[in-house]
N, C-alpha and C. Protein backbone atom coordinates (compact mmCIF):
# COMPACT_ATOMS: atom_id res chain seq x y z
N MET A 1 -3.98 18.97 -44.18
CA MET A 1 -4.86 18.60 -42.93
C MET A 1 -4.41 16.78 -43.05
N SER A 2 -4.23 16.92 -41.36
CA SER A 2 -3.23 15.17 -41.58
C SER A 2 -4.71 14.27 -41.27
N LEU A 3 -4.94 13.08 -41.69
CA LEU A 3 -5.74 12.33 -41.46
C LEU A 3 -6.19 11.66 -40.64
N PHE A 4 -4.57 11.73 -39.98
CA PHE A 4 -4.80 10.93 -38.29
C PHE A 4 -5.87 11.00 -37.31
N PRO A 5 -6.33 12.34 -37.17
CA PRO A 5 -7.26 12.25 -35.97
C PRO A 5 -8.45 11.79 -36.36
N LEU A 6 -8.78 11.63 -38.18
CA LEU A 6 -10.30 11.64 -38.46
C LEU A 6 -10.39 9.90 -38.17
N ILE A 7 -9.40 9.76 -38.26
CA ILE A 7 -9.16 7.69 -38.38
C ILE A 7 -8.71 7.39 -36.92
N PHE A 8 -8.03 8.02 -35.95
CA PHE A 8 -7.97 7.37 -34.60
C PHE A 8 -9.24 7.50 -33.87
N ARG A 9 -9.97 8.84 -34.52
CA ARG A 9 -11.69 8.61 -33.60
C ARG A 9 -12.49 7.95 -34.19
N GLU A 10 -12.50 7.27 -35.08
CA GLU A 10 -13.06 6.46 -35.94
C GLU A 10 -12.41 5.21 -35.32
N MET A 11 -11.49 4.65 -35.05
CA MET A 11 -10.76 3.37 -34.28
C MET A 11 -11.53 3.67 -32.72
N ALA A 12 -11.46 4.41 -31.90
CA ALA A 12 -11.61 4.68 -30.44
C ALA A 12 -13.24 4.59 -30.42
N ARG A 13 -13.97 4.51 -31.64
CA ARG A 13 -15.97 4.51 -31.10
C ARG A 13 -16.09 2.99 -30.91
N PRO A 14 -15.49 2.20 -30.96
CA PRO A 14 -16.06 0.87 -30.35
C PRO A 14 -15.53 1.18 -28.62
N LEU A 15 -14.89 1.31 -28.87
CA LEU A 15 -13.99 1.29 -27.28
C LEU A 15 -15.07 2.16 -26.59
N ARG A 16 -15.57 3.55 -26.94
CA ARG A 16 -16.52 4.13 -26.20
C ARG A 16 -17.87 3.48 -26.37
N MET A 17 -18.15 2.60 -27.24
CA MET A 17 -19.30 2.02 -26.98
C MET A 17 -19.36 1.16 -26.07
N MET A 18 -18.34 0.28 -26.04
CA MET A 18 -17.82 -0.96 -25.00
C MET A 18 -18.03 -0.38 -23.55
N GLU A 19 -17.59 0.95 -23.25
CA GLU A 19 -17.59 1.73 -22.33
C GLU A 19 -18.58 2.33 -21.95
N HIS A 20 -19.76 2.32 -22.60
CA HIS A 20 -20.78 2.85 -22.42
C HIS A 20 -21.53 1.73 -21.88
N GLN A 21 -21.65 0.69 -22.50
CA GLN A 21 -22.64 -0.80 -22.49
C GLN A 21 -22.05 -1.37 -21.19
N MET A 22 -20.73 -0.80 -20.40
CA MET A 22 -20.02 -1.65 -19.21
C MET A 22 -20.48 -0.63 -18.09
N ARG A 23 -20.44 0.39 -18.33
CA ARG A 23 -21.23 1.75 -17.25
C ARG A 23 -22.62 1.28 -16.89
N LEU A 24 -23.71 0.94 -17.87
CA LEU A 24 -24.97 0.63 -18.11
C LEU A 24 -25.08 -0.88 -17.02
N ALA A 25 -23.96 -1.61 -17.19
CA ALA A 25 -24.05 -3.10 -16.71
C ALA A 25 -24.17 -2.68 -15.75
N GLU A 26 -23.51 -1.89 -14.97
CA GLU A 26 -22.06 -1.42 -13.50
C GLU A 26 -23.59 -0.95 -12.63
N GLU A 27 -24.36 -0.10 -13.33
CA GLU A 27 -25.51 0.42 -12.72
C GLU A 27 -26.74 -0.46 -12.79
N LEU A 28 -27.24 -1.36 -14.00
CA LEU A 28 -27.82 -2.47 -13.37
C LEU A 28 -27.59 -3.32 -12.27
N PHE A 29 -26.49 -4.02 -12.19
CA PHE A 29 -26.14 -4.99 -11.42
C PHE A 29 -24.88 -5.01 -10.76
N PRO A 30 -24.77 -3.36 -9.65
CA PRO A 30 -23.44 -3.04 -8.92
C PRO A 30 -22.97 -3.64 -8.28
N LEU A 31 -23.75 -4.80 -7.52
CA LEU A 31 -22.96 -5.78 -6.83
C LEU A 31 -21.71 -6.22 -7.46
N MET A 32 -22.29 -6.94 -8.98
CA MET A 32 -21.42 -8.27 -9.60
C MET A 32 -20.71 -7.16 -10.68
N ALA A 33 -20.55 -5.85 -10.60
CA ALA A 33 -19.52 -5.42 -12.17
C ALA A 33 -18.39 -5.20 -11.47
N TYR A 34 -17.11 -5.79 -11.97
CA TYR A 34 -15.87 -5.25 -10.68
C TYR A 34 -15.81 -5.31 -9.96
N PRO A 35 -16.14 -6.74 -9.39
CA PRO A 35 -15.49 -7.43 -7.73
C PRO A 35 -14.28 -6.57 -7.40
N ARG A 36 -13.32 -7.20 -8.10
CA ARG A 36 -11.94 -7.10 -7.39
C ARG A 36 -11.76 -5.37 -7.32
N ILE A 37 -12.06 -4.69 -8.71
CA ILE A 37 -11.60 -3.24 -8.88
C ILE A 37 -12.74 -2.42 -7.88
N ARG A 38 -13.18 -3.20 -7.29
CA ARG A 38 -14.88 -2.18 -6.46
C ARG A 38 -13.87 -2.67 -5.23
N ASP A 39 -13.14 -3.44 -4.86
CA ASP A 39 -12.71 -3.81 -3.54
C ASP A 39 -11.80 -2.85 -2.99
N ALA A 40 -10.78 -2.81 -4.34
CA ALA A 40 -9.80 -1.93 -3.62
C ALA A 40 -10.14 -0.44 -4.00
N SER A 41 -11.31 -0.01 -4.12
CA SER A 41 -11.79 1.30 -4.52
C SER A 41 -12.67 1.83 -3.11
N ASP A 42 -12.95 0.64 -2.39
CA ASP A 42 -14.21 1.04 -1.66
C ASP A 42 -13.90 1.53 -0.01
N GLY A 43 -12.82 2.28 -0.07
CA GLY A 43 -12.56 2.69 1.05
C GLY A 43 -12.32 2.57 1.95
N LYS A 44 -12.14 1.32 1.93
CA LYS A 44 -11.96 0.17 2.77
C LYS A 44 -9.97 -0.44 3.65
N GLU A 45 -9.23 0.53 2.42
CA GLU A 45 -8.04 0.44 2.67
C GLU A 45 -7.37 1.57 2.37
N SER A 46 -6.38 2.28 3.40
CA SER A 46 -5.65 3.21 3.21
C SER A 46 -4.48 3.05 3.51
N VAL A 47 -3.46 3.77 3.04
CA VAL A 47 -2.08 4.20 3.07
C VAL A 47 -1.58 5.69 3.52
N THR A 48 -1.17 6.14 4.28
CA THR A 48 -0.66 7.16 4.86
C THR A 48 0.89 7.33 5.12
N GLN A 49 1.32 8.39 5.16
CA GLN A 49 2.55 8.94 5.63
C GLN A 49 2.66 10.41 5.83
N ASP A 50 3.19 10.18 7.21
CA ASP A 50 3.51 11.79 7.46
C ASP A 50 4.59 12.11 8.34
N ARG A 51 4.92 13.06 9.29
CA ARG A 51 6.45 13.54 9.58
C ARG A 51 6.34 12.32 10.62
N GLU A 52 5.61 11.60 11.29
CA GLU A 52 5.93 10.54 12.34
C GLU A 52 6.14 8.92 11.91
N LYS A 53 5.51 8.71 10.85
CA LYS A 53 4.95 7.50 10.43
C LYS A 53 4.62 7.06 9.09
N PHE A 54 4.99 6.18 8.81
CA PHE A 54 3.98 5.49 7.68
C PHE A 54 2.62 4.14 8.31
N GLN A 55 1.78 4.42 7.76
CA GLN A 55 0.93 3.94 8.33
C GLN A 55 -0.66 3.05 6.80
N VAL A 56 -0.55 2.09 7.49
CA VAL A 56 -1.97 1.18 6.65
C VAL A 56 -2.67 0.69 7.26
N LYS A 57 -3.55 0.55 6.45
CA LYS A 57 -5.16 0.26 7.56
C LYS A 57 -6.00 -0.47 6.25
N LEU A 58 -6.41 -1.68 7.08
CA LEU A 58 -6.68 -2.71 5.77
C LEU A 58 -7.74 -3.29 6.51
N ASP A 59 -9.01 -3.34 6.34
CA ASP A 59 -10.40 -3.69 6.64
C ASP A 59 -10.15 -5.31 6.71
N VAL A 60 -10.06 -6.00 7.56
CA VAL A 60 -10.25 -7.45 7.41
C VAL A 60 -11.09 -8.00 9.17
N GLU A 61 -12.43 -7.44 8.64
CA GLU A 61 -13.46 -7.65 9.70
C GLU A 61 -13.80 -9.09 9.28
N ASN A 62 -13.69 -9.87 8.29
CA ASN A 62 -13.84 -11.17 7.84
C ASN A 62 -13.16 -12.42 8.02
N PHE A 63 -11.88 -11.59 8.64
CA PHE A 63 -10.72 -12.63 9.50
C PHE A 63 -10.88 -13.04 11.03
N ALA A 64 -10.63 -13.99 11.69
CA ALA A 64 -10.49 -13.52 12.88
C ALA A 64 -8.83 -13.73 12.70
N PRO A 65 -8.72 -12.94 13.94
CA PRO A 65 -7.04 -12.82 14.88
C PRO A 65 -6.25 -14.24 14.07
N GLU A 66 -6.30 -15.34 14.04
CA GLU A 66 -5.83 -16.17 14.18
C GLU A 66 -5.75 -16.35 12.83
N GLU A 67 -6.19 -16.03 11.92
CA GLU A 67 -6.01 -16.62 10.61
C GLU A 67 -5.44 -15.13 9.82
N ILE A 68 -4.78 -14.53 10.25
CA ILE A 68 -4.07 -13.21 9.63
C ILE A 68 -2.47 -13.16 10.51
N THR A 69 -1.32 -13.08 8.86
CA THR A 69 -0.44 -13.07 9.26
C THR A 69 0.60 -11.85 8.35
N ILE A 70 1.69 -11.34 9.02
CA ILE A 70 2.05 -10.31 9.24
C ILE A 70 3.17 -11.14 8.90
N LYS A 71 4.13 -10.06 7.88
CA LYS A 71 5.53 -10.99 7.21
C LYS A 71 6.37 -9.23 7.23
N ALA A 72 7.40 -9.50 7.95
CA ALA A 72 8.67 -8.15 6.61
C ALA A 72 9.58 -8.84 5.80
N LEU A 73 9.67 -8.37 4.74
CA LEU A 73 10.57 -9.03 3.61
C LEU A 73 11.46 -8.22 3.31
N ASN A 74 12.38 -8.83 2.53
CA ASN A 74 13.56 -8.15 2.26
C ASN A 74 14.13 -6.51 2.89
N GLY A 75 13.52 -6.41 4.28
CA GLY A 75 14.08 -5.32 5.16
C GLY A 75 12.88 -3.97 4.55
N ASN A 76 12.51 -3.83 3.41
CA ASN A 76 11.98 -2.68 3.32
C ASN A 76 10.14 -2.82 2.91
N ALA A 77 9.91 -4.22 2.98
CA ALA A 77 8.25 -4.71 2.69
C ALA A 77 7.81 -5.22 3.76
N ILE A 78 6.23 -5.05 3.73
CA ILE A 78 5.35 -5.98 4.72
C ILE A 78 4.18 -6.33 3.93
N VAL A 79 3.67 -7.71 4.28
CA VAL A 79 3.15 -9.18 3.45
C VAL A 79 1.87 -8.96 4.65
N VAL A 80 0.70 -8.49 3.84
CA VAL A 80 -0.13 -8.81 4.83
C VAL A 80 -1.30 -10.38 4.59
N GLU A 81 -0.96 -11.65 5.03
CA GLU A 81 -1.97 -12.06 4.49
C GLU A 81 -2.98 -12.91 5.45
N ALA A 82 -4.42 -13.26 4.39
CA ALA A 82 -5.21 -14.28 5.18
C ALA A 82 -6.08 -14.49 5.19
N LYS A 83 -6.63 -15.93 5.80
CA LYS A 83 -7.00 -16.94 4.70
C LYS A 83 -8.18 -17.32 5.78
N HIS A 84 -9.89 -17.66 5.29
CA HIS A 84 -10.63 -18.07 6.14
C HIS A 84 -11.39 -19.47 5.25
N GLU A 85 -11.34 -20.29 5.56
CA GLU A 85 -12.29 -21.56 5.62
C GLU A 85 -13.36 -21.56 6.56
N LYS A 86 -14.71 -22.31 5.52
CA LYS A 86 -15.50 -22.68 7.06
C LYS A 86 -16.20 -23.61 5.86
N ASN A 87 -16.39 -24.84 6.56
CA ASN A 87 -17.52 -26.02 5.88
C ASN A 87 -18.72 -26.31 6.46
N ASP A 88 -19.62 -26.60 5.79
CA ASP A 88 -20.61 -26.85 6.52
C ASP A 88 -21.94 -27.81 6.01
N GLU A 89 -22.98 -28.63 6.19
CA GLU A 89 -23.86 -29.54 5.32
C GLU A 89 -24.22 -28.42 4.16
N ASN A 90 -24.48 -27.40 4.16
CA ASN A 90 -24.62 -26.29 3.03
C ASN A 90 -23.52 -26.15 1.96
N GLY A 91 -22.35 -26.65 2.05
CA GLY A 91 -21.28 -25.82 1.04
C GLY A 91 -19.99 -25.61 2.08
N SER A 92 -19.21 -24.63 1.60
CA SER A 92 -18.04 -24.22 2.00
C SER A 92 -18.03 -22.41 1.36
N ILE A 93 -17.16 -22.01 2.60
CA ILE A 93 -16.71 -20.91 2.43
C ILE A 93 -15.48 -20.54 2.00
N SER A 94 -14.78 -19.72 1.62
CA SER A 94 -13.61 -19.54 1.18
C SER A 94 -12.69 -18.16 1.45
N ARG A 95 -12.02 -17.39 1.96
CA ARG A 95 -11.97 -15.96 1.77
C ARG A 95 -9.86 -15.82 1.73
N GLN A 96 -9.75 -14.97 0.92
CA GLN A 96 -8.56 -15.06 0.81
C GLN A 96 -7.95 -13.33 0.30
N LEU A 97 -6.76 -13.21 1.44
CA LEU A 97 -6.70 -11.78 1.19
C LEU A 97 -4.98 -11.67 1.34
N PHE A 98 -4.62 -10.93 0.27
CA PHE A 98 -2.87 -10.62 -0.21
C PHE A 98 -2.81 -9.21 -0.57
N ARG A 99 -1.65 -8.70 1.00
CA ARG A 99 -1.49 -7.00 0.41
C ARG A 99 -0.23 -6.74 0.57
N LYS A 100 0.72 -6.61 -0.23
CA LYS A 100 1.79 -6.04 0.27
C LYS A 100 2.15 -4.81 -0.37
N PHE A 101 3.17 -4.21 0.83
CA PHE A 101 3.38 -2.97 0.78
C PHE A 101 4.78 -2.82 0.60
N VAL A 102 5.59 -1.87 0.15
CA VAL A 102 7.24 -1.60 0.10
C VAL A 102 7.00 -0.41 0.91
N ILE A 103 7.51 -0.19 2.32
CA ILE A 103 7.83 0.58 3.24
C ILE A 103 9.03 1.69 2.50
N PRO A 104 8.30 3.22 2.28
CA PRO A 104 9.82 4.36 1.96
C PRO A 104 10.69 3.53 2.82
N LYS A 105 11.90 4.62 2.16
CA LYS A 105 13.60 4.65 3.33
C LYS A 105 13.32 5.11 4.28
N GLY A 106 13.43 4.98 5.28
CA GLY A 106 13.80 6.22 6.71
C GLY A 106 12.88 5.97 7.35
N HIS A 107 11.98 5.04 7.45
CA HIS A 107 11.49 4.06 8.64
C HIS A 107 12.09 2.86 8.90
N ASP A 108 11.40 2.63 10.44
CA ASP A 108 12.74 1.89 11.27
C ASP A 108 11.50 0.55 10.84
N MET A 109 12.23 -0.47 10.25
CA MET A 109 11.45 -1.62 9.95
C MET A 109 11.36 -2.89 11.43
N LYS A 110 12.41 -2.18 12.65
CA LYS A 110 12.94 -3.17 13.37
C LYS A 110 11.46 -2.62 14.80
N LYS A 111 10.90 -1.41 14.19
CA LYS A 111 9.65 -0.77 15.12
C LYS A 111 8.31 -0.99 14.58
N VAL A 112 8.42 -1.97 13.64
CA VAL A 112 6.80 -2.08 12.97
C VAL A 112 5.76 -2.42 13.94
N GLU A 113 5.01 -2.31 14.11
CA GLU A 113 3.47 -2.37 15.08
C GLU A 113 2.14 -2.76 14.12
N SER A 114 1.40 -3.48 14.68
CA SER A 114 -0.07 -3.72 14.11
C SER A 114 -0.66 -3.62 15.34
N MET A 115 -1.85 -3.24 14.71
CA MET A 115 -2.74 -3.53 15.78
C MET A 115 -4.57 -4.09 15.18
N LEU A 116 -5.04 -4.51 15.95
CA LEU A 116 -6.35 -5.27 15.25
C LEU A 116 -7.57 -4.44 16.08
N SER A 117 -8.51 -3.55 15.49
CA SER A 117 -9.29 -3.13 16.66
C SER A 117 -10.65 -4.31 16.75
N SER A 118 -11.60 -3.91 17.43
CA SER A 118 -12.95 -4.90 17.57
C SER A 118 -13.49 -4.65 16.25
N ASP A 119 -13.37 -3.37 15.22
CA ASP A 119 -14.58 -3.35 14.39
C ASP A 119 -13.35 -3.77 13.31
N GLY A 120 -12.92 -4.91 13.30
CA GLY A 120 -12.35 -5.52 12.07
C GLY A 120 -11.13 -4.38 11.47
N VAL A 121 -10.71 -3.33 11.77
CA VAL A 121 -9.66 -2.58 11.25
C VAL A 121 -8.40 -3.05 11.62
N LEU A 122 -7.33 -3.51 10.43
CA LEU A 122 -6.59 -3.97 11.11
C LEU A 122 -5.03 -2.67 10.76
N THR A 123 -3.97 -2.44 11.61
CA THR A 123 -3.57 -1.15 11.16
C THR A 123 -2.12 -1.32 11.85
N ILE A 124 -0.92 -0.75 10.39
CA ILE A 124 0.67 -1.37 10.74
C ILE A 124 0.60 0.01 10.92
N THR A 125 1.67 0.22 11.42
CA THR A 125 2.11 1.42 11.73
C THR A 125 4.40 1.13 11.60
N ALA A 126 4.52 2.02 10.81
CA ALA A 126 6.11 1.79 10.62
C ALA A 126 6.72 3.40 10.92
N PRO A 127 7.33 3.54 12.28
CA PRO A 127 7.94 5.42 12.53
C PRO A 127 9.12 5.39 11.76
N ASN A 128 9.28 6.54 11.47
CA ASN A 128 10.07 7.30 10.93
C ASN A 128 11.07 7.22 11.74
N LYS A 129 12.56 6.28 11.30
CA LYS A 129 13.57 6.89 12.06
C LYS A 129 14.24 7.78 12.75
N VAL A 130 14.87 7.57 13.87
CA VAL A 130 15.35 9.09 14.66
C VAL A 130 16.58 9.31 14.20
N GLU A 131 17.03 10.31 13.60
CA GLU A 131 18.72 10.25 13.36
C GLU A 131 18.85 10.53 14.42
N GLN A 132 20.18 9.94 15.15
CA GLN A 132 21.06 10.18 16.09
C GLN A 132 22.20 10.93 15.45
N VAL A 133 22.16 12.11 16.40
CA VAL A 133 23.07 13.51 15.75
C VAL A 133 24.49 12.73 17.07
N GLU A 134 25.40 13.10 15.79
CA GLU A 134 26.76 12.08 16.79
C GLU A 134 27.64 13.38 16.58
N GLU A 135 27.92 13.45 17.62
CA GLU A 135 28.93 14.63 18.19
C GLU A 135 29.90 14.64 18.59
N ARG A 136 31.27 14.78 17.68
CA ARG A 136 32.44 14.86 18.00
C ARG A 136 33.09 16.01 17.49
N SER A 137 34.35 16.26 18.62
CA SER A 137 35.55 17.62 18.43
C SER A 137 35.95 17.17 17.13
N ILE A 138 36.49 18.25 16.95
CA ILE A 138 37.84 18.27 15.69
C ILE A 138 38.72 19.11 15.82
N PRO A 139 39.97 18.65 16.05
CA PRO A 139 40.95 19.18 16.76
C PRO A 139 41.65 20.24 15.79
N ILE A 140 42.27 21.23 16.00
CA ILE A 140 42.32 22.26 15.49
C ILE A 140 43.90 22.20 14.91
N THR A 141 44.79 22.43 13.72
CA THR A 141 46.06 22.14 13.65
C THR A 141 46.71 23.52 13.49
N HIS A 142 47.11 24.10 13.99
CA HIS A 142 47.98 25.31 13.89
C HIS A 142 49.54 25.04 12.95
N VAL A 143 49.03 25.94 12.12
CA VAL A 143 50.08 25.50 11.15
C VAL A 143 50.55 27.41 10.79
N ASP A 144 52.47 27.35 11.00
CA ASP A 144 52.85 28.84 10.81
C ASP A 144 52.34 28.92 9.39
N ALA A 145 52.08 30.43 9.16
CA ALA A 145 52.21 31.18 7.94
C ALA A 145 53.33 30.94 7.08
N SER A 146 54.29 30.92 7.09
CA SER A 146 55.41 30.99 7.00
C SER A 146 55.66 29.46 6.10
N GLU A 147 55.23 28.49 6.63
CA GLU A 147 55.50 27.13 6.08
C GLU A 147 54.69 27.21 4.78
N GLY A 148 53.39 28.03 4.98
CA GLY A 148 52.43 27.96 3.82
C GLY A 148 52.49 28.22 2.45
N LYS A 149 53.48 29.18 2.71
CA LYS A 149 54.30 30.47 1.79
C LYS A 149 55.58 29.17 0.59
N SER A 150 55.63 29.32 -0.63
CA SER A 150 56.74 28.45 -0.92
C SER A 150 57.57 29.41 -2.07
């Protein structure tokens, strides 16, 4: 019998205890626990791909349209950046968003479109490339049967 499973189990015990404490902290302070992880998984961002398109939806309701930029990079990536700053007598507010999406091959980067809805959802769509079927006639060369024999 190997001692490795016993030793490993003992080594993993502090990790399990720490995970338990973190879960308790998240239950007690749900808005403060892991803000970056919670933002990424809150359902306000989606990436889908089907037969017609590749589509990204982002919640940008905290940004004005003029604070958002979308750029195509290296022919197959899209970068969305947004920056909001507001200063008043009580202090300042600063928000930033940066997302980079790699568009799979087979999508037409020249026809990428973006739309911003009234409720602050930015939709970026890259349609699939339409394969142009190029047709050409292939001539048939006639060969005498006696020429093919040696």
